Protein backbone atom coordinates (compact mmCIF):
# COMPACT_ATOMS: atom_id res chain seq x y z
CA MET A 1 -2.98 -21.27 -25.67
CA ARG A 2 0.16 -20.88 -23.64
CA SER A 3 2.66 -23.67 -24.30
CA ARG A 4 5.00 -25.20 -21.69
CA HIS A 5 8.14 -27.13 -22.52
CA TYR A 6 9.58 -29.26 -19.75
CA SER A 7 11.64 -32.43 -19.46
CA LYS A 8 9.66 -35.52 -18.50
CA LYS A 9 11.23 -35.44 -15.04
CA LYS A 10 10.31 -31.82 -14.50
CA ALA A 11 6.87 -32.30 -16.05
CA ALA A 12 6.11 -35.15 -13.69
CA VAL A 13 7.15 -32.93 -10.83
CA ILE A 14 4.82 -30.20 -12.06
CA VAL A 15 1.95 -32.70 -12.16
CA ALA A 16 2.72 -33.57 -8.57
CA ILE A 17 2.64 -29.89 -7.72
CA ALA A 18 -0.70 -29.30 -9.49
CA ALA A 19 -1.95 -32.49 -7.90
CA LEU A 20 -0.99 -31.26 -4.42
CA LEU A 21 -0.42 -34.48 -2.53
CA VAL A 22 -3.06 -35.74 -0.13
CA PRO A 23 -2.15 -34.78 3.43
CA VAL A 24 -1.98 -37.24 6.25
CA THR A 25 -1.77 -36.54 9.94
CA SER A 26 1.86 -36.15 10.93
CA THR A 27 3.81 -36.42 14.14
CA ALA A 28 5.58 -33.44 15.64
CA VAL A 29 9.16 -33.01 14.52
CA ALA A 30 10.68 -31.31 17.53
CA LYS A 31 10.58 -32.54 21.10
CA LYS A 32 9.23 -29.19 22.28
CA SER A 33 6.41 -29.12 19.72
CA PRO A 34 3.01 -29.50 21.38
CA LYS A 35 0.32 -31.83 20.11
CA ALA A 36 -1.54 -30.59 17.07
CA LEU A 37 -4.85 -28.81 17.26
CA PRO A 38 -7.87 -30.41 15.54
CA SER A 39 -7.76 -29.78 11.78
CA PRO A 40 -10.64 -27.79 10.25
CA GLU A 41 -12.01 -28.56 6.80
CA PHE A 42 -10.04 -25.57 5.58
CA VAL A 43 -8.24 -22.55 6.98
CA LYS A 44 -8.87 -18.96 5.99
CA PHE A 45 -6.41 -16.78 4.14
CA GLU A 46 -5.43 -13.96 6.47
CA LYS A 47 -2.73 -11.38 5.98
CA VAL A 48 -0.15 -11.74 8.72
CA LYS A 49 -0.28 -9.21 11.53
CA LYS A 50 2.29 -6.51 10.90
CA GLY A 51 5.32 -6.99 13.11
CA SER A 52 4.12 -10.33 14.51
CA GLY A 53 7.29 -12.12 13.41
CA LYS A 54 9.76 -9.57 14.66
CA GLY A 55 12.85 -11.20 16.13
CA LEU A 56 12.32 -14.53 14.34
CA ARG A 57 14.50 -16.06 11.63
CA LEU A 58 12.35 -18.22 9.35
CA GLY A 59 13.19 -20.31 6.32
CA TYR A 60 11.49 -21.29 3.09
CA ILE A 61 12.61 -23.96 0.61
CA SER A 62 11.06 -23.29 -2.79
CA LEU A 63 10.44 -26.30 -4.98
CA GLY A 64 11.64 -24.28 -7.95
CA ASP A 65 10.71 -20.72 -8.88
CA SER A 66 11.07 -21.60 -12.57
CA VAL A 67 7.63 -23.20 -12.22
CA PRO A 68 4.84 -20.57 -12.47
CA PHE A 69 2.70 -22.08 -9.71
CA VAL A 70 5.67 -22.19 -7.34
CA LYS A 71 6.71 -18.63 -8.18
CA LEU A 72 3.26 -17.46 -7.10
CA VAL A 73 3.68 -19.33 -3.82
CA SER A 74 7.16 -17.91 -3.26
CA ASP A 75 6.15 -14.31 -3.93
CA SER A 76 3.27 -14.63 -1.47
CA ILE A 77 5.49 -16.09 1.25
CA LYS A 78 8.12 -13.38 0.79
CA ARG A 79 5.48 -10.67 0.91
CA GLU A 80 3.90 -11.91 4.16
CA ALA A 81 7.26 -12.59 5.82
CA LYS A 82 8.31 -9.01 5.10
CA ARG A 83 5.05 -7.73 6.54
CA SER A 84 5.54 -9.82 9.69
CA GLY A 85 8.95 -8.35 10.38
CA ALA A 86 10.61 -11.78 10.48
CA LYS A 87 13.89 -12.42 8.71
CA LEU A 88 13.25 -14.90 5.89
CA GLU A 89 15.99 -17.15 4.57
CA PHE A 90 14.90 -18.07 1.03
CA CYS A 91 16.43 -21.07 -0.75
CA ASP A 92 15.40 -22.34 -4.21
CA SER A 93 15.89 -26.12 -4.48
CA GLN A 94 15.41 -25.96 -8.28
CA ILE A 95 13.40 -29.21 -8.26
CA ASP A 96 16.35 -31.10 -6.79
CA ALA A 97 16.21 -33.01 -3.50
CA ALA A 98 19.98 -32.69 -3.04
CA LYS A 99 19.70 -28.91 -3.28
CA ALA A 100 16.79 -28.97 -0.82
CA LEU A 101 19.06 -30.83 1.60
CA ALA A 102 21.73 -28.16 1.08
CA CYS A 103 19.09 -25.55 1.89
CA THR A 104 18.48 -27.07 5.30
CA GLN A 105 22.21 -27.23 5.95
CA LEU A 106 22.30 -23.50 5.25
CA PHE A 107 19.32 -23.00 7.56
CA LYS A 108 21.28 -24.73 10.31
CA VAL A 109 24.20 -22.33 9.88
CA LYS A 110 21.78 -19.38 9.78
CA LYS A 111 20.05 -20.61 12.97
CA VAL A 112 16.60 -20.70 11.36
CA GLN A 113 13.90 -21.25 14.00
CA ALA A 114 11.24 -22.82 11.76
CA TYR A 115 10.80 -23.28 8.01
CA LEU A 116 8.43 -24.10 5.17
CA ASN A 117 9.53 -27.01 2.97
CA PHE A 118 8.25 -27.22 -0.61
CA ASN A 119 10.34 -30.24 -1.66
CA TYR A 120 9.12 -32.50 -4.48
CA ASP A 121 10.65 -35.73 -3.17
CA ALA A 122 8.55 -36.83 -0.19
CA ALA A 123 10.82 -39.83 0.39
CA ALA A 124 13.78 -37.51 0.88
CA GLY A 125 11.94 -35.47 3.50
CA PRO A 126 13.41 -37.15 6.60
CA ALA A 127 16.99 -36.93 5.30
CA ILE A 128 16.51 -33.29 4.37
CA TYR A 129 15.18 -32.53 7.83
CA ASN A 130 17.97 -34.42 9.57
CA ALA A 131 20.58 -32.40 7.68
CA GLY A 132 19.22 -29.13 9.03
CA PRO A 133 18.14 -27.53 12.28
CA GLN A 134 15.84 -29.65 14.42
CA VAL A 135 13.02 -27.13 14.39
CA PRO A 136 9.34 -27.12 13.41
CA VAL A 137 8.65 -27.66 9.70
CA ILE A 138 5.48 -27.05 7.72
CA ALA A 139 5.35 -29.02 4.46
CA ILE A 140 3.85 -27.29 1.42
CA ASP A 141 1.76 -29.38 -1.00
CA ILE A 142 3.99 -32.46 -0.70
CA ASN A 143 4.21 -34.38 2.53
CA GLN A 144 7.53 -34.63 4.37
CA THR A 145 6.10 -36.94 7.03
CA PRO A 146 6.98 -37.76 9.72
CA LYS A 147 9.26 -34.73 9.72
CA GLN A 148 6.63 -32.03 9.81
CA VAL A 149 4.34 -30.39 12.33
CA ALA A 150 1.75 -29.61 9.66
CA PHE A 151 0.83 -30.04 6.02
CA MET A 152 -0.25 -27.00 4.09
CA GLY A 153 -2.03 -27.45 0.78
CA ALA A 154 -5.07 -28.90 -0.91
CA ASN A 155 -7.88 -31.20 0.03
CA ASN A 156 -7.81 -33.19 -3.19
CA ASN A 157 -11.01 -35.14 -2.73
CA ARG A 158 -12.96 -32.02 -1.86
CA ALA A 159 -11.42 -30.17 -4.82
CA GLY A 160 -12.42 -33.03 -7.10
CA VAL A 161 -16.00 -32.94 -5.85
CA VAL A 162 -16.18 -29.19 -6.51
CA ALA A 163 -14.95 -29.68 -10.08
CA GLY A 164 -17.24 -32.62 -10.74
CA ARG A 165 -20.26 -30.65 -9.58
CA GLY A 166 -19.26 -27.66 -11.69
CA VAL A 167 -19.04 -29.52 -14.99
CA GLY A 168 -22.08 -31.59 -13.99
CA GLU A 169 -24.18 -28.43 -13.67
CA LEU A 170 -23.19 -27.41 -17.19
CA ILE A 171 -24.06 -30.82 -18.65
CA LYS A 172 -27.36 -30.81 -16.78
CA LYS A 173 -28.26 -27.35 -18.08
CA LYS A 174 -27.29 -27.98 -21.69
CA PHE A 175 -28.09 -31.68 -22.18
CA ASP A 176 -30.26 -32.77 -19.25
CA CYS A 177 -27.27 -34.89 -18.08
CA LYS A 178 -27.13 -36.86 -21.35
CA TYR A 179 -23.60 -37.44 -22.64
CA ASP A 180 -21.80 -39.68 -25.11
CA ALA A 181 -18.57 -40.24 -23.18
CA ILE A 182 -16.62 -39.31 -20.06
CA VAL A 183 -12.84 -39.09 -20.30
CA LEU A 184 -10.90 -39.24 -17.05
CA MET A 185 -7.55 -37.51 -17.54
CA GLU A 186 -5.53 -39.21 -14.83
CA SER A 187 -1.99 -39.06 -13.46
CA PRO A 188 -1.44 -42.54 -12.01
CA GLY A 189 2.17 -41.76 -11.14
CA VAL A 190 1.11 -39.55 -8.23
CA GLY A 191 -0.76 -42.43 -6.59
CA ALA A 192 -3.10 -41.42 -3.80
CA VAL A 193 -3.40 -37.91 -5.21
CA ASN A 194 -4.83 -39.27 -8.43
CA GLU A 195 -7.28 -41.48 -6.58
CA ALA A 196 -8.47 -38.64 -4.37
CA ARG A 197 -8.88 -36.02 -7.03
CA ILE A 198 -10.26 -38.17 -9.86
CA GLY A 199 -12.44 -39.97 -7.33
CA GLY A 200 -13.77 -36.61 -6.17
CA ASN A 201 -14.39 -35.55 -9.78
CA LYS A 202 -16.51 -38.63 -10.36
CA GLN A 203 -18.34 -38.22 -7.05
CA GLY A 204 -19.20 -34.58 -7.71
CA PHE A 205 -20.42 -35.27 -11.25
CA ALA A 206 -22.56 -38.16 -10.00
CA GLU A 207 -24.15 -35.89 -7.38
CA ILE A 208 -25.53 -33.76 -10.21
CA CYS A 209 -26.12 -36.25 -13.03
CA GLY A 210 -26.44 -39.61 -11.28
CA ALA A 211 -24.13 -42.60 -11.30
CA LEU A 212 -21.63 -42.62 -14.14
CA ASP A 213 -22.46 -44.88 -17.09
CA LEU A 214 -19.35 -47.03 -16.86
CA LYS A 215 -19.74 -48.17 -20.47
CA LYS A 216 -19.10 -44.59 -21.51
CA VAL A 217 -16.11 -43.95 -19.24
CA LYS A 218 -12.59 -43.91 -20.66
CA SER A 219 -9.44 -43.34 -18.59
CA ILE A 220 -6.23 -41.94 -20.10
CA ASP A 221 -2.82 -40.89 -18.77
CA SER A 222 -2.25 -37.13 -18.75
CA SER A 223 0.83 -36.84 -16.57
CA PHE A 224 2.03 -33.69 -18.38
CA LEU A 225 0.72 -31.32 -21.05
CA GLU A 226 2.33 -32.91 -24.09
CA GLU A 227 1.26 -36.39 -23.00
CA ALA A 228 -2.25 -35.13 -22.28
CA GLN A 229 -2.51 -33.72 -25.78
CA SER A 230 -1.25 -36.93 -27.38
CA SER A 231 -3.36 -39.33 -25.31
CA PHE A 232 -6.51 -37.24 -25.70
CA LYS A 233 -6.04 -37.09 -29.45
CA ASP A 234 -5.81 -40.87 -29.47
CA ALA A 235 -8.93 -41.10 -27.30
CA LEU A 236 -10.88 -38.95 -29.76
CA THR A 237 -10.14 -41.40 -32.56
CA THR A 238 -11.99 -44.07 -30.55
CA LEU A 239 -14.98 -41.75 -30.11
CA PRO A 240 -15.66 -40.64 -33.71
CA ASN A 241 -19.40 -40.11 -33.22
CA SER A 242 -19.36 -38.61 -29.70
CA LYS A 243 -20.64 -35.05 -29.66
CA THR A 244 -20.87 -34.56 -25.88
CA ILE A 245 -17.64 -35.64 -24.21
CA VAL A 246 -17.23 -34.80 -20.52
CA VAL A 247 -13.61 -34.24 -19.50
CA LEU A 248 -12.78 -34.75 -15.82
CA ALA A 249 -9.16 -33.73 -15.45
CA MET A 250 -6.39 -33.54 -12.87
CA ASN A 251 -5.25 -29.98 -13.60
CA ASP A 252 -5.11 -27.18 -16.13
CA ASP A 253 -2.30 -28.84 -18.05
CA SER A 254 -4.58 -31.82 -18.66
CA CYS A 255 -7.41 -29.58 -19.84
CA LEU A 256 -5.17 -27.45 -22.03
CA GLY A 257 -3.73 -30.62 -23.59
CA ALA A 258 -7.22 -31.97 -24.26
CA LEU A 259 -8.33 -28.69 -25.81
CA ALA A 260 -5.25 -28.51 -28.02
CA ALA A 261 -5.87 -32.07 -29.24
CA ALA A 262 -9.52 -31.35 -29.96
CA LYS A 263 -8.61 -28.22 -31.91
CA GLN A 264 -6.14 -30.19 -34.02
CA VAL A 265 -8.97 -32.32 -35.36
CA GLY A 266 -11.68 -29.64 -35.33
CA ARG A 267 -13.63 -31.12 -32.42
CA GLN A 268 -13.26 -28.50 -29.73
CA GLY A 269 -17.03 -28.13 -29.68
CA ASP A 270 -17.46 -31.75 -28.60
CA ILE A 271 -15.67 -31.51 -25.25
CA TYR A 272 -16.84 -30.03 -21.93
CA LEU A 273 -14.12 -29.55 -19.36
CA GLY A 274 -13.92 -29.44 -15.56
CA CYS A 275 -10.43 -28.36 -14.54
CA HIS A 276 -8.15 -27.61 -11.57
CA GLY A 277 -5.88 -24.65 -10.98
CA ALA A 278 -7.51 -21.41 -12.14
CA ASP A 279 -4.04 -20.01 -12.71
CA PRO A 280 -3.37 -17.43 -15.45
CA THR A 281 -2.95 -20.11 -18.14
CA SER A 282 -6.68 -20.90 -17.90
CA TRP A 283 -8.19 -17.47 -17.37
CA CYS A 284 -9.05 -16.73 -20.99
CA GLU A 285 -10.62 -20.16 -21.47
CA ILE A 286 -12.72 -19.71 -18.33
CA LYS A 287 -13.89 -16.29 -19.52
CA ASN A 288 -14.42 -16.98 -23.22
CA ASN A 289 -14.81 -20.70 -23.89
CA PRO A 290 -18.40 -21.86 -23.24
CA ASN A 291 -17.25 -25.49 -23.17
CA TRP A 292 -14.74 -24.83 -20.40
CA ALA A 293 -17.11 -25.21 -17.45
CA GLY A 294 -14.63 -23.76 -14.98
CA ASP A 295 -11.75 -24.43 -12.61
CA VAL A 296 -11.24 -25.25 -8.98
CA ALA A 297 -9.01 -22.55 -7.49
CA TYR A 298 -6.04 -23.33 -5.22
CA PHE A 299 -4.87 -19.71 -4.72
CA PRO A 300 -1.08 -20.21 -4.73
CA GLU A 301 -0.76 -16.43 -4.81
CA ARG A 302 -2.16 -16.40 -1.25
CA TYR A 303 -0.26 -19.32 0.29
CA GLY A 304 1.82 -16.89 2.36
CA GLU A 305 -1.35 -15.82 4.15
CA VAL A 306 -1.50 -19.31 5.65
CA GLY A 307 2.13 -20.39 5.70
CA ILE A 308 3.69 -17.39 7.45
CA PRO A 309 1.14 -16.85 10.26
CA TYR A 310 1.20 -20.53 11.17
CA LEU A 311 4.99 -20.80 10.80
CA ILE A 312 5.36 -17.94 13.28
CA LYS A 313 3.20 -19.85 15.75
CA ALA A 314 5.18 -23.05 15.14
CA ALA A 315 8.49 -21.20 15.67
CA ARG A 316 7.20 -20.19 19.09
CA TYR A 317 6.03 -23.76 19.77
CA LYS A 318 2.38 -22.87 19.84
CA ARG A 319 -0.20 -25.48 18.86
CA ILE A 320 -1.33 -25.48 15.22
CA PRO A 321 -3.55 -27.87 13.20
CA ALA A 322 -1.81 -30.81 11.49
CA LYS A 323 -3.65 -29.96 8.25
CA LEU A 324 -3.74 -26.43 6.88
CA GLN A 325 -5.90 -27.00 3.82
CA VAL A 326 -7.06 -24.24 1.50
CA ASN A 327 -10.69 -23.47 0.75
CA HIS A 328 -11.36 -24.57 -2.83
CA VAL A 329 -13.68 -22.36 -4.86
CA TRP A 330 -15.32 -23.05 -8.22
CA ILE A 331 -14.26 -20.35 -10.68
CA ASN A 332 -16.28 -19.79 -13.87
CA LYS A 333 -17.08 -16.93 -16.22
CA ASP A 334 -19.63 -15.53 -13.76
CA ASN A 335 -17.28 -15.03 -10.81
CA ILE A 336 -13.73 -14.97 -12.19
CA ASN A 337 -13.53 -11.18 -12.05
CA LYS A 338 -14.47 -11.30 -8.37
CA TYR A 339 -11.56 -13.56 -7.47
CA TYR A 340 -9.16 -12.51 -10.22
CA PRO A 341 -9.89 -8.91 -11.24
CA LYS A 342 -6.65 -8.89 -13.29
CA ALA A 343 -7.90 -11.71 -15.50
CA LYS A 344 -7.86 -9.83 -18.80
CA CYS A 345 -7.98 -11.40 -22.28
């Protein structure tokens, strides 16, 4: 299992990233921006038309390329911007709101015409915007409302439902929906995100196996990998005789922490996991661990196929939807090679 070592501050930020904050309808940031188009359930990934951004100067604030998920996002955005012919001003905020503000100040000097903002501090969004050029902004994964024309990221409730159904199908197949316990690996610090995703997990599982037996439900805090491992190990001590434990988690860090804890006490065979992310850290578990039901994919490696085409439209003050949400797909051992042919173990 791949280990990650972060400070608590940075780990909490990473949880927020994996959680992908729930979007809300925003107001247009620039006076010239037209009213938003109706938002579909999700938008398709489409490679940008070659040369379609020629003559434009666009910007992108990375949350921090030291984070694997973010690096995938950044590489995708750079690739599509290059294909479009637009000039891309890249600025890494290094998980620091002050540096994100400095990025927009640079964008103002560079006369950026529109930019993508992947800033972890939603509360700082308006100040960051005000420090830079008064141009259309698309927020990535973390709302910068009201200073954005659109939110690009996840539909957390829908993603939760997909995960809940996935692990529910496994429990139905193996145990006719009989289980000893359900552990909700939550991240209460991210607020509405936690409610949407964990709520969706429970909803999806209930659609397959019926209403949750609340007497068997235990909620723990799994805000980052090390905490997930510690809290899940503690939870296992309260479930000494449970042989079928359903794990409904927030992200891959939660699942990896739970698995590590179970292995420490020789109980990895007792847990059945429904996870979120489907990034490289989980590929081998998806392919080889029969108790790892699967993952909901977010496709950070394809974010540029949404962000750049819509940013080009926004830069030209064309109407775009207020929500640019990705299409979440359930990834398990049967289809992982279809979506991730490089997933080798």
